[in-house]
Amino acid sequence: MSVVVSEKTDVLIIGSGPAGYTAAIYASRANLNPILYQGIQPGGQLTITTEVENYPGYADGVQGPEMMVDFEKQAKRMGADIRFGLATKVDLSSKPYKVQIDDDKWIETQSIIIATGASAKWLGLPSEERLNGFGVSACAVCDGFFFRGKEVAIVGAGDTAAEEALYLSKLCTTVHMFIRKDAMRASKVMQDRVLATPNIKVYWNTETDEILGDKTVSGVRIRNNQTNAVTEIAINGFFVAIGHQPNSDIFKGLLDMDEAGYILTTPGTSKTNVEGVFAAGDVQDKIYRQAVTAAGSGCMAALDAERYLSALGH
């Protein structure tokens, strides 16, 4: 690929959020002068959450967007060059690597830290979007605490949905679980646990028609897709657990990934199968998906990049 390079750097960080900003903090402190492009959603998934109570250091909790502003400010104070922009194409065919920004300019870089995250899959309902962060969530571990002693609903049929339903069952009075078909996709052991939990009520062949509520969730309207019978249930929280999509499309065919598109890294490191290319945060983590684990892996990626560049003599 023949391109015109308009800028050169030693470390290019693609994506913001806890992983990207932490990588920027560590890379800056190592005098690597990183450039970070924030991507399509500066701050990542935390910018669409409300209260964050499980991140260390915020004794009274913090709003997700406010927390990401703090991360960005700290990275800037350390000297990171943080920019608006989206990586749209990558050339890993030879070193140094090249990354195109906004379908326009190309940057040449000795190393790349990928922190593009993952996006929750949603049902596509207008009410779901309107009430997102006001009773609608895609993370029971993040937000279940706020519904302690209340009734909630969850949509999904896989292992993640089963795990989240079980987690919510320990906090909530009743968990209404909506499954589109007449069977779950979850492993047998997870299905057995769900069905054996008294306060999880499973609804088979069930679709969500509408999430009810003005400023916060107050109920849900469901429909049996075999009988077309419609039911309304009073709830305070609505959880969507139909999966996540890693934001890894521009690296397909270039980096090793699993069947879902999560970038594979060498266990215990942030290293991908391409030397000098590192991945951190939810783009390579389909198990934990927490702000604190993303930040930790961002630290790992910056340290891995520093050691890689040092070996090159940079």
C-alpha atoms as a PDB file:
ATOM      1  CA  MET A   1       0.000   0.000   0.000  1.00  0.00           C
ATOM      2  CA  SER A   2       1.511   3.305  -1.106  1.00  0.00           C
ATOM      3  CA  VAL A   3       0.446   6.211   1.094  1.00  0.00           C
ATOM      4  CA  VAL A   4       1.549   9.746   1.862  1.00  0.00           C
ATOM      5  CA  VAL A   5       2.520   9.973   5.537  1.00  0.00           C
ATOM      6  CA  SER A   6       1.796  13.327   7.166  1.00  0.00           C
ATOM      7  CA  GLU A   7       3.057  12.603  10.682  1.00  0.00           C
ATOM      8  CA  LYS A   8       5.261  10.169  12.606  1.00  0.00           C
ATOM      9  CA  THR A   9       5.128   8.933  16.194  1.00  0.00           C
ATOM     10  CA  ASP A  10       6.488   6.153  18.375  1.00  0.00           C
ATOM     11  CA  VAL A  11       3.168   5.288  20.058  1.00  0.00           C
ATOM     12  CA  LEU A  12      -0.288   5.670  18.561  1.00  0.00           C
ATOM     13  CA  ILE A  13      -3.216   4.881  20.847  1.00  0.00           C
ATOM     14  CA  ILE A  14      -6.498   4.183  19.083  1.00  0.00           C
ATOM     15  CA  GLY A  15      -9.543   4.712  21.277  1.00  0.00           C
ATOM     16  CA  SER A  16     -10.242   6.341  24.606  1.00  0.00           C
ATOM     17  CA  GLY A  17     -12.040   5.068  27.678  1.00  0.00           C
ATOM     18  CA  PRO A  18     -10.220   3.681  30.731  1.00  0.00           C
ATOM     19  CA  ALA A  19      -7.865   1.501  28.646  1.00  0.00           C
ATOM     20  CA  GLY A  20      -6.824   4.178  26.170  1.00  0.00           C
ATOM     21  CA  TYR A  21      -6.431   6.973  28.697  1.00  0.00           C
ATOM     22  CA  THR A  22      -4.482   4.782  31.144  1.00  0.00           C
ATOM     23  CA  ALA A  23      -2.172   3.700  28.317  1.00  0.00           C
ATOM     24  CA  ALA A  24      -1.697   7.380  27.477  1.00  0.00           C
ATOM     25  CA  ILE A  25      -0.847   8.232  31.111  1.00  0.00           C
ATOM     26  CA  TYR A  26       1.773   5.497  31.368  1.00  0.00           C
ATOM     27  CA  ALA A  27       3.238   6.094  27.914  1.00  0.00           C
ATOM     28  CA  SER A  28       3.513   9.826  28.618  1.00  0.00           C
ATOM     29  CA  ARG A  29       5.276   9.247  31.934  1.00  0.00           C
ATOM     30  CA  ALA A  30       7.766   7.075  30.044  1.00  0.00           C
ATOM     31  CA  ASN A  31       8.485  10.035  27.718  1.00  0.00           C
ATOM     32  CA  LEU A  32       7.097   8.192  24.682  1.00  0.00           C
ATOM     33  CA  ASN A  33       5.032  11.236  23.580  1.00  0.00           C
ATOM     34  CA  PRO A  34       1.940   9.197  22.624  1.00  0.00           C
ATOM     35  CA  ILE A  35      -0.760  10.422  20.277  1.00  0.00           C
ATOM     36  CA  LEU A  36      -4.269   9.265  21.190  1.00  0.00           C
ATOM     37  CA  TYR A  37      -7.259   9.411  18.863  1.00  0.00           C
ATOM     38  CA  GLN A  38     -10.479   9.266  20.851  1.00  0.00           C
ATOM     39  CA  GLY A  39     -12.619   7.456  18.295  1.00  0.00           C
ATOM     40  CA  ILE A  40     -16.325   7.697  17.585  1.00  0.00           C
ATOM     41  CA  GLN A  41     -17.299   7.814  21.281  1.00  0.00           C
ATOM     42  CA  PRO A  42     -14.729   9.820  23.286  1.00  0.00           C
ATOM     43  CA  GLY A  43     -14.569   8.298  26.746  1.00  0.00           C
ATOM     44  CA  GLY A  44     -16.077   5.001  25.650  1.00  0.00           C
ATOM     45  CA  GLN A  45     -19.046   3.172  27.180  1.00  0.00           C
ATOM     46  CA  LEU A  46     -18.732   4.964  30.523  1.00  0.00           C
ATOM     47  CA  THR A  47     -19.999   8.149  28.901  1.00  0.00           C
ATOM     48  CA  ILE A  48     -23.440   6.526  28.574  1.00  0.00           C
ATOM     49  CA  THR A  49     -23.579   5.326  32.184  1.00  0.00           C
ATOM     50  CA  THR A  50     -24.700   7.352  35.171  1.00  0.00           C
ATOM     51  CA  GLU A  51     -23.412   6.525  38.655  1.00  0.00           C
ATOM     52  CA  VAL A  52     -20.164   4.519  38.927  1.00  0.00           C
ATOM     53  CA  GLU A  53     -19.659   3.163  42.446  1.00  0.00           C
ATOM     54  CA  ASN A  54     -17.220   0.291  41.906  1.00  0.00           C
ATOM     55  CA  TYR A  55     -14.123   2.138  40.657  1.00  0.00           C
ATOM     56  CA  PRO A  56     -11.469   2.535  43.386  1.00  0.00           C
ATOM     57  CA  GLY A  57     -10.696   6.047  44.555  1.00  0.00           C
ATOM     58  CA  TYR A  58     -14.178   7.528  44.175  1.00  0.00           C
ATOM     59  CA  ALA A  59     -15.435   7.047  47.732  1.00  0.00           C
ATOM     60  CA  ASP A  60     -18.802   8.670  47.041  1.00  0.00           C
ATOM     61  CA  GLY A  61     -19.203   7.333  43.515  1.00  0.00           C
ATOM     62  CA  VAL A  62     -18.921   9.361  40.335  1.00  0.00           C
ATOM     63  CA  GLN A  63     -20.896   9.963  37.170  1.00  0.00           C
ATOM     64  CA  GLY A  64     -19.463   7.982  34.239  1.00  0.00           C
ATOM     65  CA  PRO A  65     -18.938  11.011  31.948  1.00  0.00           C
ATOM     66  CA  GLU A  66     -17.313  12.977  34.798  1.00  0.00           C
ATOM     67  CA  MET A  67     -14.948  10.087  35.494  1.00  0.00           C
ATOM     68  CA  MET A  68     -13.861   9.999  31.845  1.00  0.00           C
ATOM     69  CA  VAL A  69     -13.209  13.756  31.920  1.00  0.00           C
ATOM     70  CA  ASP A  70     -10.920  13.109  34.926  1.00  0.00           C
ATOM     71  CA  PHE A  71      -9.082  10.373  33.001  1.00  0.00           C
ATOM     72  CA  GLU A  72      -8.635  12.647  29.989  1.00  0.00           C
ATOM     73  CA  LYS A  73      -7.402  15.573  32.112  1.00  0.00           C
ATOM     74  CA  GLN A  74      -4.837  13.351  33.805  1.00  0.00           C
ATOM     75  CA  ALA A  75      -3.565  12.002  30.481  1.00  0.00           C
ATOM     76  CA  LYS A  76      -3.265  15.559  29.129  1.00  0.00           C
ATOM     77  CA  ARG A  77      -1.457  16.725  32.273  1.00  0.00           C
ATOM     78  CA  MET A  78       1.095  13.961  31.722  1.00  0.00           C
ATOM     79  CA  GLY A  79       1.684  15.265  28.203  1.00  0.00           C
ATOM     80  CA  ALA A  80      -0.403  12.974  26.002  1.00  0.00           C
ATOM     81  CA  ASP A  81      -1.479  14.461  22.668  1.00  0.00           C
ATOM     82  CA  ILE A  82      -5.226  13.714  22.709  1.00  0.00           C
ATOM     83  CA  ARG A  83      -7.195  14.362  19.541  1.00  0.00           C
ATOM     84  CA  PHE A  84     -10.658  13.944  18.092  1.00  0.00           C
ATOM     85  CA  GLY A  85     -10.636  11.501  15.210  1.00  0.00           C
ATOM     86  CA  LEU A  86     -11.394   7.979  14.103  1.00  0.00           C
ATOM     87  CA  ALA A  87      -8.921   5.391  12.805  1.00  0.00           C
ATOM     88  CA  THR A  88     -10.410   4.207   9.517  1.00  0.00           C
ATOM     89  CA  LYS A  89      -7.696   2.048   7.947  1.00  0.00           C
ATOM     90  CA  VAL A  90      -4.550   0.241   9.073  1.00  0.00           C
ATOM     91  CA  ASP A  91      -1.476  -0.978   7.173  1.00  0.00           C
ATOM     92  CA  LEU A  92       0.521  -3.557   9.141  1.00  0.00           C
ATOM     93  CA  SER A  93       2.315  -4.984   6.107  1.00  0.00           C
ATOM     94  CA  SER A  94       5.663  -3.427   7.021  1.00  0.00           C
ATOM     95  CA  LYS A  95       7.331  -1.476   9.815  1.00  0.00           C
ATOM     96  CA  PRO A  96       6.808   1.249  10.779  1.00  0.00           C
ATOM     97  CA  TYR A  97       3.038   0.741  10.670  1.00  0.00           C
ATOM     98  CA  LYS A  98       0.599   3.191   9.156  1.00  0.00           C
ATOM     99  CA  VAL A  99      -2.847   4.237  10.366  1.00  0.00           C
ATOM    100  CA  GLN A 100      -5.326   6.384   8.472  1.00  0.00           C
ATOM    101  CA  ILE A 101      -7.383   8.910  10.431  1.00  0.00           C
ATOM    102  CA  ASP A 102     -10.866  10.010   9.291  1.00  0.00           C
ATOM    103  CA  ASP A 103     -10.322   8.546   5.799  1.00  0.00           C
ATOM    104  CA  ASP A 104      -7.852  11.358   5.293  1.00  0.00           C
ATOM    105  CA  LYS A 105      -4.355  11.640   6.724  1.00  0.00           C
ATOM    106  CA  TRP A 106      -1.910   8.818   7.441  1.00  0.00           C
ATOM    107  CA  ILE A 107       0.229   8.550  10.560  1.00  0.00           C
ATOM    108  CA  GLU A 108       3.357   6.399  10.676  1.00  0.00           C
ATOM    109  CA  THR A 109       3.970   4.729  14.042  1.00  0.00           C
ATOM    110  CA  GLN A 110       6.478   2.352  15.584  1.00  0.00           C
ATOM    111  CA  SER A 111       3.827   0.805  17.840  1.00  0.00           C
ATOM    112  CA  ILE A 112       0.043   0.736  18.153  1.00  0.00           C
ATOM    113  CA  ILE A 113      -2.108   0.348  21.253  1.00  0.00           C
ATOM    114  CA  ILE A 114      -5.651  -0.672  20.323  1.00  0.00           C
ATOM    115  CA  ALA A 115      -8.201   0.457  22.921  1.00  0.00           C
ATOM    116  CA  THR A 116     -11.301   0.687  20.749  1.00  0.00           C
ATOM    117  CA  GLY A 117     -13.544  -1.123  23.244  1.00  0.00           C
ATOM    118  CA  ALA A 118     -16.741  -2.999  22.562  1.00  0.00           C
ATOM    119  CA  SER A 119     -20.309  -1.871  22.070  1.00  0.00           C
ATOM    120  CA  ALA A 120     -23.298  -3.481  23.748  1.00  0.00           C
ATOM    121  CA  LYS A 121     -25.864  -4.941  21.393  1.00  0.00           C
ATOM    122  CA  TRP A 122     -29.266  -3.359  21.912  1.00  0.00           C
ATOM    123  CA  LEU A 123     -32.828  -4.288  21.002  1.00  0.00           C
ATOM    124  CA  GLY A 124     -33.276  -1.145  18.922  1.00  0.00           C
ATOM    125  CA  LEU A 125     -36.291   0.287  20.769  1.00  0.00           C
ATOM    126  CA  PRO A 126     -36.615   4.093  20.988  1.00  0.00           C
ATOM    127  CA  SER A 127     -37.627   3.752  24.664  1.00  0.00           C
ATOM    128  CA  GLU A 128     -34.481   1.702  25.311  1.00  0.00           C
ATOM    129  CA  GLU A 129     -32.323   4.515  23.957  1.00  0.00           C
ATOM    130  CA  ARG A 130     -34.297   7.225  25.757  1.00  0.00           C
ATOM    131  CA  LEU A 131     -34.075   5.485  29.151  1.00  0.00           C
ATOM    132  CA  ASN A 132     -30.493   4.280  28.798  1.00  0.00           C
ATOM    133  CA  GLY A 133     -28.817   5.191  32.083  1.00  0.00           C
ATOM    134  CA  PHE A 134     -32.208   5.841  33.705  1.00  0.00           C
ATOM    135  CA  GLY A 135     -33.128   2.258  34.481  1.00  0.00           C
ATOM    136  CA  VAL A 136     -31.931   0.660  31.247  1.00  0.00           C
ATOM    137  CA  SER A 137     -28.470  -0.933  31.394  1.00  0.00           C
ATOM    138  CA  ALA A 138     -26.298  -3.436  29.546  1.00  0.00           C
ATOM    139  CA  CYS A 139     -24.249  -4.372  32.634  1.00  0.00           C
ATOM    140  CA  ALA A 140     -25.806  -6.000  35.687  1.00  0.00           C
ATOM    141  CA  VAL A 141     -22.488  -6.105  37.564  1.00  0.00           C
ATOM    142  CA  CYS A 142     -22.092  -2.343  37.008  1.00  0.00           C
ATOM    143  CA  ASP A 143     -25.633  -1.249  37.803  1.00  0.00           C
ATOM    144  CA  GLY A 144     -27.440  -4.055  39.639  1.00  0.00           C
ATOM    145  CA  PHE A 145     -26.657  -2.526  43.028  1.00  0.00           C
ATOM    146  CA  PHE A 146     -28.983   0.412  42.307  1.00  0.00           C
ATOM    147  CA  PHE A 147     -31.941  -1.979  42.108  1.00  0.00           C
ATOM    148  CA  ARG A 148     -31.436  -3.745  45.420  1.00  0.00           C
ATOM    149  CA  GLY A 149     -34.828  -4.852  46.757  1.00  0.00           C
ATOM    150  CA  LYS A 150     -36.624  -3.979  43.513  1.00  0.00           C
ATOM    151  CA  GLU A 151     -38.069  -5.866  40.536  1.00  0.00           C
ATOM    152  CA  VAL A 152     -36.085  -5.948  37.312  1.00  0.00           C
ATOM    153  CA  ALA A 153     -36.181  -7.603  33.902  1.00  0.00           C
ATOM    154  CA  ILE A 154     -33.405  -8.992  31.732  1.00  0.00           C
ATOM    155  CA  VAL A 155     -33.347  -9.959  28.049  1.00  0.00           C
ATOM    156  CA  GLY A 156     -31.006 -12.662  26.788  1.00  0.00           C
ATOM    157  CA  ALA A 157     -30.535 -16.408  26.514  1.00  0.00           C
ATOM    158  CA  GLY A 158     -26.774 -17.044  26.596  1.00  0.00           C
ATOM    159  CA  ASP A 159     -24.276 -17.644  29.383  1.00  0.00           C
ATOM    160  CA  THR A 160     -23.815 -13.919  30.005  1.00  0.00           C
ATOM    161  CA  ALA A 161     -27.562 -13.391  30.387  1.00  0.00           C
ATOM    162  CA  ALA A 162     -27.762 -16.369  32.754  1.00  0.00           C
ATOM    163  CA  GLU A 163     -24.827 -15.091  34.836  1.00  0.00           C
ATOM    164  CA  GLU A 164     -26.318 -11.606  35.024  1.00  0.00           C
ATOM    165  CA  ALA A 165     -29.775 -12.950  35.938  1.00  0.00           C
ATOM    166  CA  LEU A 166     -28.216 -14.979  38.764  1.00  0.00           C
ATOM    167  CA  TYR A 167     -26.254 -11.930  39.929  1.00  0.00           C
ATOM    168  CA  LEU A 168     -29.415  -9.803  39.946  1.00  0.00           C
ATOM    169  CA  SER A 169     -31.352 -12.525  41.780  1.00  0.00           C
ATOM    170  CA  LYS A 170     -29.117 -11.956  44.816  1.00  0.00           C
ATOM    171  CA  LEU A 171     -29.991  -8.258  44.889  1.00  0.00           C
ATOM    172  CA  CYS A 172     -33.522  -7.973  43.547  1.00  0.00           C
ATOM    173  CA  THR A 173     -36.870  -9.300  44.719  1.00  0.00           C
ATOM    174  CA  THR A 174     -37.809 -10.701  41.293  1.00  0.00           C
ATOM    175  CA  VAL A 175     -35.904 -11.035  38.026  1.00  0.00           C
ATOM    176  CA  HIS A 176     -38.138 -11.392  34.969  1.00  0.00           C
ATOM    177  CA  MET A 177     -36.077 -13.092  32.244  1.00  0.00           C
ATOM    178  CA  PHE A 178     -37.306 -12.781  28.649  1.00  0.00           C
ATOM    179  CA  ILE A 179     -36.177 -15.399  26.128  1.00  0.00           C
ATOM    180  CA  ARG A 180     -37.078 -15.055  22.454  1.00  0.00           C
ATOM    181  CA  LYS A 181     -37.220 -18.776  21.718  1.00  0.00           C
ATOM    182  CA  ASP A 182     -38.418 -21.861  23.576  1.00  0.00           C
ATOM    183  CA  ALA A 183     -34.876 -22.725  24.732  1.00  0.00           C
ATOM    184  CA  MET A 184     -31.786 -20.999  26.137  1.00  0.00           C
ATOM    185  CA  ARG A 185     -28.396 -20.918  24.417  1.00  0.00           C
ATOM    186  CA  ALA A 186     -26.602 -20.962  27.766  1.00  0.00           C
ATOM    187  CA  SER A 187     -24.626 -23.993  28.892  1.00  0.00           C
ATOM    188  CA  LYS A 188     -26.631 -26.704  30.641  1.00  0.00           C
ATOM    189  CA  VAL A 189     -25.154 -25.932  34.056  1.00  0.00           C
ATOM    190  CA  MET A 190     -26.087 -22.233  33.745  1.00  0.00           C
ATOM    191  CA  GLN A 191     -29.604 -23.092  32.561  1.00  0.00           C
ATOM    192  CA  ASP A 192     -30.060 -25.412  35.524  1.00  0.00           C
ATOM    193  CA  ARG A 193     -28.963 -22.695  37.948  1.00  0.00           C
ATOM    194  CA  VAL A 194     -31.341 -20.141  36.448  1.00  0.00           C
ATOM    195  CA  LEU A 195     -34.310 -22.524  36.469  1.00  0.00           C
ATOM    196  CA  ALA A 196     -33.539 -23.565  40.056  1.00  0.00           C
ATOM    197  CA  THR A 197     -33.488 -19.969  41.341  1.00  0.00           C
ATOM    198  CA  PRO A 198     -36.904 -19.193  42.880  1.00  0.00           C
ATOM    199  CA  ASN A 199     -36.962 -15.452  42.206  1.00  0.00           C
ATOM    200  CA  ILE A 200     -35.991 -15.712  38.509  1.00  0.00           C
ATOM    201  CA  LYS A 201     -39.155 -15.958  36.425  1.00  0.00           C
ATOM    202  CA  VAL A 202     -38.438 -17.162  32.881  1.00  0.00           C
ATOM    203  CA  TYR A 203     -40.706 -16.140  29.995  1.00  0.00           C
ATOM    204  CA  TRP A 204     -40.254 -18.311  26.885  1.00  0.00           C
ATOM    205  CA  ASN A 205     -41.052 -17.162  23.316  1.00  0.00           C
ATOM    206  CA  THR A 206     -41.122 -13.594  24.556  1.00  0.00           C
ATOM    207  CA  GLU A 207     -40.245 -10.319  22.807  1.00  0.00           C
ATOM    208  CA  THR A 208     -39.972  -6.867  24.375  1.00  0.00           C
ATOM    209  CA  ASP A 209     -42.387  -4.447  22.695  1.00  0.00           C
ATOM    210  CA  GLU A 210     -41.727  -1.373  24.803  1.00  0.00           C
ATOM    211  CA  ILE A 211     -39.949  -0.212  27.946  1.00  0.00           C
ATOM    212  CA  LEU A 212     -42.346   1.936  29.936  1.00  0.00           C
ATOM    213  CA  GLY A 213     -41.601   5.058  31.919  1.00  0.00           C
ATOM    214  CA  ASP A 214     -41.218   8.794  31.557  1.00  0.00           C
ATOM    215  CA  LYS A 215     -37.963   9.829  33.227  1.00  0.00           C
ATOM    216  CA  THR A 216     -37.091   6.395  34.641  1.00  0.00           C
ATOM    217  CA  VAL A 217     -38.146   2.821  33.922  1.00  0.00           C
ATOM    218  CA  SER A 218     -41.504   1.941  35.473  1.00  0.00           C
ATOM    219  CA  GLY A 219     -42.484  -1.154  33.516  1.00  0.00           C
ATOM    220  CA  VAL A 220     -42.167  -3.230  30.368  1.00  0.00           C
ATOM    221  CA  ARG A 221     -44.633  -4.435  27.746  1.00  0.00           C
ATOM    222  CA  ILE A 222     -43.889  -7.925  26.423  1.00  0.00           C
ATOM    223  CA  ARG A 223     -45.471 -10.072  23.735  1.00  0.00           C
ATOM    224  CA  ASN A 224     -45.592 -13.829  23.358  1.00  0.00           C
ATOM    225  CA  ASN A 225     -44.405 -14.395  19.777  1.00  0.00           C
ATOM    226  CA  GLN A 226     -46.521 -17.543  19.417  1.00  0.00           C
ATOM    227  CA  THR A 227     -49.855 -16.393  20.830  1.00  0.00           C
ATOM    228  CA  ASN A 228     -49.354 -12.603  20.377  1.00  0.00           C
ATOM    229  CA  ALA A 229     -50.620 -12.148  23.937  1.00  0.00           C
ATOM    230  CA  VAL A 230     -49.417  -8.820  25.377  1.00  0.00           C
ATOM    231  CA  THR A 231     -48.540  -8.339  29.058  1.00  0.00           C
ATOM    232  CA  GLU A 232     -47.315  -5.350  31.066  1.00  0.00           C
ATOM    233  CA  ILE A 233     -45.065  -5.871  34.099  1.00  0.00           C
ATOM    234  CA  ALA A 234     -44.109  -3.228  36.673  1.00  0.00           C
ATOM    235  CA  ILE A 235     -40.309  -3.070  37.020  1.00  0.00           C
ATOM    236  CA  ASN A 236     -37.647  -0.536  38.018  1.00  0.00           C
ATOM    237  CA  GLY A 237     -34.716  -1.780  35.948  1.00  0.00           C
ATOM    238  CA  PHE A 238     -34.317  -3.299  32.490  1.00  0.00           C
ATOM    239  CA  PHE A 239     -31.103  -5.129  31.583  1.00  0.00           C
ATOM    240  CA  VAL A 240     -30.072  -6.051  28.046  1.00  0.00           C
ATOM    241  CA  ALA A 241     -27.739  -9.064  27.869  1.00  0.00           C
ATOM    242  CA  ILE A 242     -27.785 -10.071  24.218  1.00  0.00           C
ATOM    243  CA  GLY A 243     -24.051  -9.685  23.760  1.00  0.00           C
ATOM    244  CA  HIS A 244     -21.338  -7.193  22.909  1.00  0.00           C
ATOM    245  CA  GLN A 245     -19.659  -6.394  19.617  1.00  0.00           C
ATOM    246  CA  PRO A 246     -15.919  -5.624  19.835  1.00  0.00           C
ATOM    247  CA  ASN A 247     -14.931  -2.563  17.807  1.00  0.00           C
ATOM    248  CA  SER A 248     -12.269  -4.402  15.845  1.00  0.00           C
ATOM    249  CA  ASP A 249     -13.500  -4.277  12.242  1.00  0.00           C
ATOM    250  CA  ILE A 250     -10.542  -2.356  10.807  1.00  0.00           C
ATOM    251  CA  PHE A 251      -8.162  -5.047  12.114  1.00  0.00           C
ATOM    252  CA  LYS A 252     -10.016  -8.020  10.627  1.00  0.00           C
ATOM    253  CA  GLY A 253      -7.671 -10.117   8.510  1.00  0.00           C
ATOM    254  CA  LEU A 254      -4.666  -8.368  10.084  1.00  0.00           C
ATOM    255  CA  LEU A 255      -4.766  -9.612  13.694  1.00  0.00           C
ATOM    256  CA  ASP A 256      -5.778 -12.920  15.235  1.00  0.00           C
ATOM    257  CA  MET A 257      -9.313 -12.791  16.652  1.00  0.00           C
ATOM    258  CA  ASP A 258     -11.846 -15.186  18.093  1.00  0.00           C
ATOM    259  CA  GLU A 259     -15.087 -16.033  16.324  1.00  0.00           C
ATOM    260  CA  ALA A 260     -16.831 -12.992  17.830  1.00  0.00           C
ATOM    261  CA  GLY A 261     -14.124 -10.543  16.717  1.00  0.00           C
ATOM    262  CA  TYR A 262     -12.316 -10.058  20.042  1.00  0.00           C
ATOM    263  CA  ILE A 263      -8.593  -9.494  19.455  1.00  0.00           C
ATOM    264  CA  LEU A 264      -6.496 -12.342  20.844  1.00  0.00           C
ATOM    265  CA  THR A 265      -3.563 -11.424  23.069  1.00  0.00           C
ATOM    266  CA  THR A 266      -0.782 -13.565  24.509  1.00  0.00           C
ATOM    267  CA  PRO A 267      -1.978 -14.573  28.008  1.00  0.00           C
ATOM    268  CA  GLY A 268      -0.559 -12.306  30.689  1.00  0.00           C
ATOM    269  CA  THR A 269       0.346  -9.595  28.177  1.00  0.00           C
ATOM    270  CA  SER A 270      -1.279  -7.139  25.785  1.00  0.00           C
ATOM    271  CA  LYS A 271       0.680  -8.500  22.809  1.00  0.00           C
ATOM    272  CA  THR A 272      -1.180  -9.423  19.632  1.00  0.00           C
ATOM    273  CA  ASN A 273       0.198 -11.759  16.961  1.00  0.00           C
ATOM    274  CA  VAL A 274       1.805  -8.749  15.226  1.00  0.00           C
ATOM    275  CA  GLU A 275       4.977  -7.459  16.857  1.00  0.00           C
ATOM    276  CA  GLY A 276       4.581  -3.935  18.201  1.00  0.00           C
ATOM    277  CA  VAL A 277       0.777  -4.019  18.131  1.00  0.00           C
ATOM    278  CA  PHE A 278      -0.927  -4.237  21.517  1.00  0.00           C
ATOM    279  CA  ALA A 279      -4.580  -4.506  22.555  1.00  0.00           C
ATOM    280  CA  ALA A 280      -6.176  -3.370  25.816  1.00  0.00           C
ATOM    281  CA  GLY A 281      -9.626  -3.102  27.324  1.00  0.00           C
ATOM    282  CA  ASP A 282     -12.896  -4.529  26.090  1.00  0.00           C
ATOM    283  CA  VAL A 283     -11.727  -5.045  22.502  1.00  0.00           C
ATOM    284  CA  GLN A 284      -9.765  -8.034  23.834  1.00  0.00           C
ATOM    285  CA  ASP A 285     -11.754  -8.856  26.978  1.00  0.00           C
ATOM    286  CA  LYS A 286     -15.125 -10.559  26.701  1.00  0.00           C
ATOM    287  CA  ILE A 287     -15.088 -11.934  30.249  1.00  0.00           C
ATOM    288  CA  TYR A 288     -14.685  -9.087  32.752  1.00  0.00           C
ATOM    289  CA  ARG A 289     -15.533  -5.888  30.824  1.00  0.00           C
ATOM    290  CA  GLN A 290     -15.083  -3.559  33.792  1.00  0.00           C
ATOM    291  CA  ALA A 291     -13.570  -0.081  33.902  1.00  0.00           C
ATOM    292  CA  VAL A 292     -10.929  -1.172  36.397  1.00  0.00           C
ATOM    293  CA  THR A 293      -9.827  -4.201  34.351  1.00  0.00           C
ATOM    294  CA  ALA A 294      -9.732  -2.062  31.203  1.00  0.00           C
ATOM    295  CA  ALA A 295      -7.531   0.484  32.968  1.00  0.00           C
ATOM    296  CA  GLY A 296      -5.229  -2.293  34.182  1.00  0.00           C
ATOM    297  CA  SER A 297      -4.814  -3.684  30.691  1.00  0.00           C
ATOM    298  CA  GLY A 298      -4.137  -0.158  29.381  1.00  0.00           C
ATOM    299  CA  CYS A 299      -1.253   0.036  31.847  1.00  0.00           C
ATOM    300  CA  MET A 300       0.012  -3.343  30.599  1.00  0.00           C
ATOM    301  CA  ALA A 301      -0.159  -2.202  26.967  1.00  0.00           C
ATOM    302  CA  ALA A 302       1.854   0.958  27.657  1.00  0.00           C
ATOM    303  CA  LEU A 303       4.511  -1.000  29.562  1.00  0.00           C
ATOM    304  CA  ASP A 304       4.658  -3.626  26.804  1.00  0.00           C
ATOM    305  CA  ALA A 305       5.005  -0.877  24.192  1.00  0.00           C
ATOM    306  CA  GLU A 306       7.739   0.837  26.222  1.00  0.00           C
ATOM    307  CA  ARG A 307       9.748  -2.395  26.430  1.00  0.00           C
ATOM    308  CA  TYR A 308       9.232  -3.086  22.742  1.00  0.00           C
ATOM    309  CA  LEU A 309      10.433   0.392  21.754  1.00  0.00           C
ATOM    310  CA  SER A 310      13.374   0.181  24.140  1.00  0.00           C
ATOM    311  CA  ALA A 311      14.483  -3.051  22.442  1.00  0.00           C
ATOM    312  CA  LEU A 312      14.308  -1.200  19.107  1.00  0.00           C
ATOM    313  CA  GLY A 313      16.506   1.558  20.505  1.00  0.00           C
ATOM    314  CA  HIS A 314      13.789   4.233  20.688  1.00  0.00           C
END
